[in-house]
Amino acid sequence: MKHINFIIFLLIFSVSSTIFASAYQPKLLYSGLGIPWSMVFISNNEILFTERNGKVGILNIQLKSVDYITDVPKVVANGQGGLLDVAIAPNYKPGDWIYFTYSKPVKDQGATTLARARLDKKVLKDWKDLLITHSQTDTNVHYGSRIAFDDQSHIYFSIGDRGFRLNAQDLSTHAGSILRLNLDGTIPKDNPFIGHSTALPEIWSYGHRNPQGLTWDNKNKRLWSIEHGPRGGDEINLIEKGKNYGWPVISYGKEYWGPISVGEGTHKEGMEQPVKVYVPSIAPGSLLYYSGDAFKNWQGNLFSGALKLHHLNRITLDSENRAISEQRLFEDLDERIRALAQSQEGWIYFSTDSGKIYVIKPK
């Protein structure tokens, strides 16, 4: 009986995926860019995007034209480093601060850094580093880094373990953690490790490997993250104040050099369990909590770009924050999907590592 039910489920899933594919094919808006690592709407018709090589541009959706911005600081554009995320706070107006994360050259090494600047026509002005994290190493991997804002004027941004696993359990380094600041870069007084002599006060959560997706659910006041596991074991986590998410002590992934599990197992007291695990890995490049009106049946879903398995990943959550279903969209594009953005209309935009930007909207 279970076997028959499973076959019925596969048939329903196949039919629904086919119907979806015919109804919502992504439309190519622009191509020929570098690697568009992040993008954000700064007006109804303009997307501000970063390229990992250190460029910032504006895509005019109506004109389908791109203008590049000047006065961008130098970045360590090696390996997984470069100019990373770009984001704006809620209720952004022209001339307000725009926030960036990037790998900053520090003593010939790269440190994940949070900065902000103002856009004046085609020039970035008043650039200021808000936090140069204690995360520099001689590696060029696992910088993170995504930005999210809550509804209380706080900014969160993620840092990978920088290739040294034990960093994620060491509260004296920012590596392997998600940080929380006020919008001006000061430290909120209610951060969990304020006053701890061996912990950095910017840390909000720790035990992360390489979180490259971070998103705020404003309806339910929740912070979500998605991170790269090793060989298998990518995770979606519900991020809570001061919690330890386990890396590298617990993991669902395997070592790269053989079929050996990483860490002590998959569970340990005092360490959080993920909401969703991907085995094998999809290599997540972003995370979006969908809140638009264009796709009513997607409201409250999580979307992630998949860099390895080349698709847009959709996760449905139930009222208890459990991942109850997964859908893999647009596999036929065969693209490494990197950044995601939601427009005012509720349309979903995504970029690819091949230098393209697409839009999904109802027919």
Protein backbone atom coordinates (compact mmCIF):
# COMPACT_ATOMS: atom_id res chain seq x y z
CA MET A 1 0.00 0.00 0.00
CA LYS A 2 2.85 2.41 0.89
CA HIS A 3 4.47 1.63 -2.47
CA ILE A 4 1.26 2.51 -4.34
CA ASN A 5 0.87 5.76 -2.38
CA PHE A 6 4.44 6.71 -3.22
CA ILE A 7 3.83 6.09 -6.94
CA ILE A 8 0.67 8.25 -6.78
CA PHE A 9 2.66 11.01 -5.08
CA LEU A 10 5.32 10.90 -7.82
CA LEU A 11 2.65 11.09 -10.53
CA ILE A 12 0.96 14.07 -8.87
CA PHE A 13 4.31 15.81 -8.38
CA SER A 14 5.28 15.18 -12.00
CA VAL A 15 1.98 16.54 -13.33
CA SER A 16 2.07 19.61 -11.05
CA SER A 17 5.68 20.33 -12.04
CA THR A 18 4.75 20.07 -15.73
CA ILE A 19 1.79 22.43 -15.25
CA PHE A 20 4.02 24.86 -13.37
CA ALA A 21 6.72 24.76 -16.05
CA SER A 22 4.23 25.60 -18.80
CA ALA A 23 2.62 28.42 -16.77
CA TYR A 24 5.65 30.17 -15.29
CA GLN A 25 8.65 30.09 -17.56
CA PRO A 26 11.34 32.56 -16.47
CA LYS A 27 11.96 35.46 -18.84
CA LEU A 28 15.51 36.60 -19.55
CA LEU A 29 15.92 40.31 -18.78
CA TYR A 30 19.63 40.86 -19.25
CA SER A 31 22.83 38.93 -19.97
CA GLY A 32 26.54 39.60 -20.31
CA LEU A 33 27.21 40.59 -16.68
CA GLY A 34 29.98 39.28 -14.44
CA ILE A 35 28.82 37.09 -11.55
CA PRO A 36 25.83 39.04 -10.15
CA TRP A 37 26.27 38.03 -6.51
CA SER A 38 23.40 40.09 -5.13
CA MET A 39 20.62 42.44 -6.20
CA VAL A 40 18.05 44.70 -4.60
CA PHE A 41 15.30 47.00 -5.87
CA ILE A 42 16.09 50.68 -5.25
CA SER A 43 13.01 51.84 -7.20
CA ASN A 44 10.13 50.15 -9.01
CA ASN A 45 12.18 49.94 -12.21
CA GLU A 46 15.78 49.75 -10.99
CA ILE A 47 17.78 46.85 -9.62
CA LEU A 48 21.07 47.63 -7.91
CA PHE A 49 23.39 44.63 -8.24
CA THR A 50 26.89 43.62 -7.19
CA GLU A 51 29.36 41.59 -9.21
CA ARG A 52 31.82 39.49 -7.27
CA ASN A 53 34.71 41.03 -9.19
CA GLY A 54 34.04 44.34 -7.40
CA LYS A 55 31.61 46.15 -9.68
CA VAL A 56 28.25 47.71 -8.79
CA GLY A 57 25.63 48.35 -11.45
CA ILE A 58 22.03 49.46 -11.94
CA LEU A 59 19.74 47.53 -14.27
CA ASN A 60 16.85 49.59 -15.61
CA ILE A 61 14.09 47.04 -16.16
CA GLN A 62 12.07 49.15 -18.58
CA LEU A 63 15.00 50.24 -20.74
CA LYS A 64 16.90 46.95 -20.28
CA SER A 65 20.08 48.95 -19.83
CA VAL A 66 22.91 48.81 -17.28
CA ASP A 67 24.93 51.67 -15.81
CA TYR A 68 27.95 50.95 -13.64
CA ILE A 69 28.67 52.88 -10.44
CA THR A 70 31.99 54.50 -9.53
CA ASP A 71 33.94 54.85 -6.27
CA VAL A 72 33.58 51.23 -5.20
CA PRO A 73 36.37 50.19 -2.77
CA LYS A 74 38.95 47.52 -3.50
CA VAL A 75 37.89 43.95 -2.72
CA VAL A 76 39.72 40.63 -2.47
CA ALA A 77 38.14 39.04 -5.53
CA ASN A 78 39.79 35.64 -5.18
CA GLY A 79 38.23 32.23 -4.58
CA GLN A 80 34.84 32.78 -2.93
CA GLY A 81 35.67 36.35 -1.96
CA GLY A 82 34.80 39.63 -3.61
CA LEU A 83 31.97 42.14 -3.51
CA LEU A 84 29.17 40.14 -1.93
CA ASP A 85 25.76 41.24 -0.69
CA VAL A 86 23.87 44.50 -1.16
CA ALA A 87 20.71 45.39 0.76
CA ILE A 88 18.53 48.29 1.82
CA ALA A 89 16.65 48.78 5.07
CA PRO A 90 12.83 48.76 5.12
CA ASN A 91 11.22 52.01 3.91
CA TYR A 92 14.28 52.95 1.88
CA LYS A 93 14.16 56.28 0.05
CA PRO A 94 16.60 57.63 -2.57
CA GLY A 95 19.64 58.98 -0.78
CA ASP A 96 19.33 56.61 2.20
CA TRP A 97 22.09 54.26 3.23
CA ILE A 98 22.79 51.18 1.12
CA TYR A 99 24.50 48.28 2.90
CA PHE A 100 27.21 46.01 1.47
CA THR A 101 29.30 43.06 2.56
CA TYR A 102 32.62 42.37 0.92
CA SER A 103 35.99 40.70 1.45
CA LYS A 104 38.24 43.55 2.52
CA PRO A 105 42.03 43.37 2.10
CA VAL A 106 43.48 43.21 5.63
CA LYS A 107 47.21 42.45 5.94
CA ASP A 108 47.17 40.61 2.59
CA GLN A 109 44.17 38.55 3.71
CA GLY A 110 40.43 38.88 3.25
CA ALA A 111 38.03 39.80 6.07
CA THR A 112 34.25 39.80 5.62
CA THR A 113 33.23 43.40 6.18
CA LEU A 114 29.92 45.22 6.55
CA ALA A 115 29.82 48.71 5.04
CA ARG A 116 27.34 51.34 3.96
CA ALA A 117 27.29 54.16 1.42
CA ARG A 118 24.89 56.54 -0.30
CA LEU A 119 24.11 56.49 -4.01
CA ASP A 120 24.33 59.86 -5.74
CA LYS A 121 23.41 59.36 -9.41
CA LYS A 122 26.20 56.98 -10.55
CA VAL A 123 28.59 57.50 -7.63
CA LEU A 124 28.87 55.80 -4.22
CA LYS A 125 29.51 58.45 -1.57
CA ASP A 126 30.29 58.47 2.16
CA TRP A 127 31.48 54.85 2.12
CA LYS A 128 32.08 53.63 5.67
CA ASP A 129 33.08 50.24 7.01
CA LEU A 130 30.75 49.50 9.93
CA LEU A 131 32.45 46.27 11.02
CA ILE A 132 35.65 44.67 9.76
CA THR A 133 35.13 41.24 11.23
CA HIS A 134 37.71 39.15 13.01
CA SER A 135 37.55 36.53 10.29
CA GLN A 136 40.62 37.04 8.13
CA THR A 137 42.64 33.94 7.24
CA ASP A 138 45.05 32.87 4.52
CA THR A 139 42.21 31.02 2.76
CA ASN A 140 39.80 32.42 0.16
CA VAL A 141 36.74 30.36 1.11
CA HIS A 142 33.61 30.60 3.28
CA TYR A 143 33.21 34.37 3.56
CA GLY A 144 29.41 34.09 3.81
CA SER A 145 27.79 36.59 3.46
CA ARG A 146 24.18 37.75 3.28
CA ILE A 147 22.33 40.63 4.92
CA ALA A 148 18.82 40.80 6.44
CA PHE A 149 16.89 43.43 8.40
CA ASP A 150 14.27 42.92 11.07
CA ASP A 151 11.46 45.37 11.85
CA GLN A 152 13.28 46.82 14.88
CA SER A 153 16.12 48.63 13.05
CA HIS A 154 18.64 45.81 13.34
CA ILE A 155 20.86 44.43 10.61
CA TYR A 156 22.02 40.81 10.51
CA PHE A 157 24.81 39.42 8.36
CA SER A 158 26.42 36.02 8.07
CA ILE A 159 30.07 34.94 8.15
CA GLY A 160 31.39 31.54 7.08
CA ASP A 161 33.95 29.60 9.09
CA ARG A 162 36.65 30.77 6.63
CA GLY A 163 37.78 27.20 6.02
CA PHE A 164 38.78 26.52 9.64
CA ARG A 165 36.02 24.42 11.13
CA LEU A 166 36.62 25.07 14.82
CA ASN A 167 36.12 28.80 14.25
CA ALA A 168 32.38 28.12 14.29
CA GLN A 169 32.52 27.05 17.97
CA ASP A 170 34.94 29.82 18.99
CA LEU A 171 33.10 32.92 20.20
CA SER A 172 36.31 34.98 20.13
CA THR A 173 36.11 35.09 16.32
CA HIS A 174 33.27 36.26 14.11
CA ALA A 175 33.86 33.41 11.67
CA GLY A 176 31.12 30.78 11.56
CA SER A 177 28.42 33.04 12.99
CA ILE A 178 25.52 35.37 12.25
CA LEU A 179 26.04 38.90 13.59
CA ARG A 180 23.52 41.54 14.70
CA LEU A 181 24.07 45.30 14.79
CA ASN A 182 22.09 48.50 14.86
CA LEU A 183 21.79 50.22 11.49
CA ASP A 184 24.58 52.65 12.40
CA GLY A 185 26.97 49.80 13.22
CA THR A 186 26.70 50.04 16.99
CA ILE A 187 26.04 46.95 19.09
CA PRO A 188 22.49 46.37 20.41
CA LYS A 189 22.36 46.20 24.18
CA ASP A 190 20.27 43.00 24.10
CA ASN A 191 22.68 40.93 22.01
CA PRO A 192 23.20 37.54 23.69
CA PHE A 193 26.92 37.75 24.44
CA ILE A 194 27.12 41.29 25.78
CA GLY A 195 29.42 41.26 28.83
CA HIS A 196 30.96 37.84 28.12
CA SER A 197 34.72 38.21 28.43
CA THR A 198 35.50 35.47 25.89
CA ALA A 199 32.79 36.25 23.32
CA LEU A 200 32.47 38.95 20.68
CA PRO A 201 29.38 41.08 21.39
CA GLU A 202 28.23 41.27 17.75
CA ILE A 203 27.47 37.52 17.61
CA TRP A 204 23.78 36.57 17.45
CA SER A 205 24.15 32.84 16.68
CA TYR A 206 27.09 30.51 15.99
CA GLY A 207 28.03 27.01 14.87
CA HIS A 208 27.54 27.82 11.17
CA ARG A 209 29.65 26.51 8.29
CA ASN A 210 29.00 28.93 5.42
CA PRO A 211 25.61 30.71 5.43
CA GLN A 212 25.01 32.22 2.00
CA GLY A 213 21.31 32.87 2.45
CA LEU A 214 19.61 35.01 5.10
CA THR A 215 16.04 36.32 5.09
CA TRP A 216 13.56 37.91 7.51
CA ASP A 217 9.94 36.79 7.79
CA ASN A 218 8.25 40.01 8.83
CA LYS A 219 4.82 38.42 9.31
CA ASN A 220 6.00 35.96 11.95
CA LYS A 221 9.12 37.88 13.10
CA ARG A 222 11.57 35.12 12.24
CA LEU A 223 15.08 35.02 10.83
CA TRP A 224 15.91 32.19 8.42
CA SER A 225 19.29 31.04 7.13
CA ILE A 226 20.55 28.51 4.63
CA GLU A 227 24.14 27.28 4.66
CA HIS A 228 26.49 25.05 2.74
CA GLY A 229 27.25 21.71 4.33
CA PRO A 230 30.32 19.67 3.39
CA ARG A 231 29.67 16.74 1.04
CA GLY A 232 25.94 16.65 1.72
CA GLY A 233 24.30 18.32 4.69
CA ASP A 234 23.23 21.76 3.44
CA GLU A 235 20.87 23.19 6.06
CA ILE A 236 17.94 25.57 6.46
CA ASN A 237 17.88 26.92 10.02
CA LEU A 238 15.48 29.05 12.01
CA ILE A 239 17.89 31.45 13.69
CA GLU A 240 17.33 32.27 17.35
CA LYS A 241 19.17 34.45 19.82
CA GLY A 242 22.38 32.95 21.20
CA LYS A 243 21.79 29.46 19.80
CA ASN A 244 24.53 27.04 18.69
CA TYR A 245 23.83 25.37 15.33
CA GLY A 246 26.41 22.67 15.77
CA TRP A 247 29.05 22.90 13.07
CA PRO A 248 31.46 21.08 13.04
CA VAL A 249 30.48 19.00 16.09
CA ILE A 250 27.26 17.79 14.48
CA SER A 251 26.52 17.57 10.76
CA TYR A 252 24.59 15.56 8.20
CA GLY A 253 27.47 15.74 5.71
CA LYS A 254 30.44 13.54 4.82
CA GLU A 255 34.14 14.27 4.54
CA TYR A 256 35.33 15.20 1.05
CA TRP A 257 38.06 12.58 1.17
CA GLY A 258 35.88 9.60 2.01
CA PRO A 259 32.52 8.20 3.20
CA ILE A 260 33.11 9.32 6.78
CA SER A 261 30.61 11.45 8.68
CA VAL A 262 31.75 14.88 9.85
CA GLY A 263 31.75 15.41 13.61
CA GLU A 264 30.29 13.30 16.39
CA GLY A 265 26.94 12.62 14.76
CA THR A 266 23.78 14.47 13.78
CA HIS A 267 22.48 15.39 17.26
CA LYS A 268 23.94 16.74 20.48
CA GLU A 269 22.39 18.36 23.53
CA GLY A 270 22.63 22.13 23.41
CA MET A 271 22.90 22.24 19.63
CA GLU A 272 20.05 23.10 17.28
CA GLN A 273 18.56 20.86 14.61
CA PRO A 274 18.00 22.20 11.09
CA VAL A 275 14.51 22.66 9.69
CA LYS A 276 15.61 21.14 6.38
CA VAL A 277 18.65 19.09 5.32
CA TYR A 278 19.76 18.53 1.73
CA VAL A 279 21.56 15.25 1.02
CA PRO A 280 23.09 15.41 -1.53
CA SER A 281 23.97 19.11 -1.37
CA ILE A 282 22.31 21.64 -3.65
CA ALA A 283 24.96 24.30 -2.82
CA PRO A 284 22.61 27.14 -1.81
CA GLY A 285 23.46 30.63 -3.00
CA SER A 286 20.65 32.72 -1.49
CA LEU A 287 17.41 32.65 0.49
CA LEU A 288 14.10 34.50 0.04
CA TYR A 289 10.99 34.42 2.21
CA TYR A 290 8.18 35.02 -0.28
CA SER A 291 5.55 37.51 0.88
CA GLY A 292 4.13 38.80 -2.42
CA ASP A 293 0.65 38.73 -3.92
CA ALA A 294 1.55 37.61 -7.45
CA PHE A 295 1.79 33.94 -6.43
CA LYS A 296 -0.76 33.42 -3.67
CA ASN A 297 0.05 29.75 -3.15
CA TRP A 298 3.72 30.60 -2.56
CA GLN A 299 3.14 32.99 0.31
CA GLY A 300 5.23 31.92 3.30
CA ASN A 301 7.49 29.69 1.19
CA LEU A 302 11.27 29.79 1.24
CA PHE A 303 13.19 30.01 -2.05
CA SER A 304 16.88 29.34 -2.59
CA GLY A 305 19.11 29.39 -5.63
CA ALA A 306 21.02 26.13 -6.16
CA LEU A 307 24.57 26.50 -7.43
CA LYS A 308 25.41 22.81 -7.71
CA LEU A 309 22.19 21.12 -8.81
CA HIS A 310 21.19 24.09 -11.02
CA HIS A 311 17.61 24.95 -10.05
CA LEU A 312 15.39 27.23 -7.99
CA ASN A 313 14.52 25.44 -4.77
CA ARG A 314 11.09 25.99 -3.15
CA ILE A 315 10.31 24.87 0.40
CA THR A 316 6.82 24.85 1.90
CA LEU A 317 6.63 25.34 5.67
CA ASP A 318 3.78 24.42 8.00
CA SER A 319 2.55 26.42 11.00
CA GLU A 320 5.13 24.69 13.21
CA ASN A 321 8.06 25.80 10.99
CA ARG A 322 8.54 22.31 9.60
CA ALA A 323 9.59 21.83 5.98
CA ILE A 324 6.80 19.70 4.57
CA SER A 325 7.56 19.72 0.83
CA GLU A 326 10.26 20.65 -1.68
CA GLN A 327 10.04 21.57 -5.35
CA ARG A 328 12.96 22.01 -7.78
CA LEU A 329 12.13 24.53 -10.50
CA PHE A 330 13.73 25.45 -13.84
CA GLU A 331 16.25 22.62 -13.90
CA ASP A 332 16.10 22.79 -17.69
CA LEU A 333 17.88 26.16 -17.61
CA ASP A 334 21.00 24.35 -16.32
CA GLU A 335 22.15 27.51 -14.54
CA ARG A 336 23.89 28.17 -11.23
CA ILE A 337 21.23 30.35 -9.61
CA ARG A 338 22.83 32.89 -7.27
CA ALA A 339 20.77 35.88 -6.06
CA LEU A 340 17.04 36.36 -5.50
CA ALA A 341 14.89 39.49 -5.21
CA GLN A 342 11.17 40.13 -4.88
CA SER A 343 9.62 43.12 -6.66
CA GLN A 344 6.80 45.32 -5.41
CA GLU A 345 4.42 43.35 -7.67
CA GLY A 346 5.51 40.11 -6.03
CA TRP A 347 7.48 38.90 -9.04
CA ILE A 348 10.65 36.92 -8.37
CA TYR A 349 13.93 37.91 -9.99
CA PHE A 350 17.03 35.74 -9.97
CA SER A 351 20.60 35.99 -11.24
CA THR A 352 22.92 33.29 -12.52
CA ASP A 353 26.68 32.87 -12.35
CA SER A 354 26.71 33.01 -16.17
CA GLY A 355 25.84 36.72 -15.90
CA LYS A 356 22.10 36.68 -16.51
CA ILE A 357 19.07 38.12 -14.71
CA TYR A 358 15.64 36.50 -15.10
CA VAL A 359 12.13 37.31 -13.90
CA ILE A 360 9.25 35.00 -13.00
CA LYS A 361 5.76 36.47 -13.17
CA PRO A 362 2.26 35.10 -13.71
CA LYS A 363 0.95 34.88 -17.26
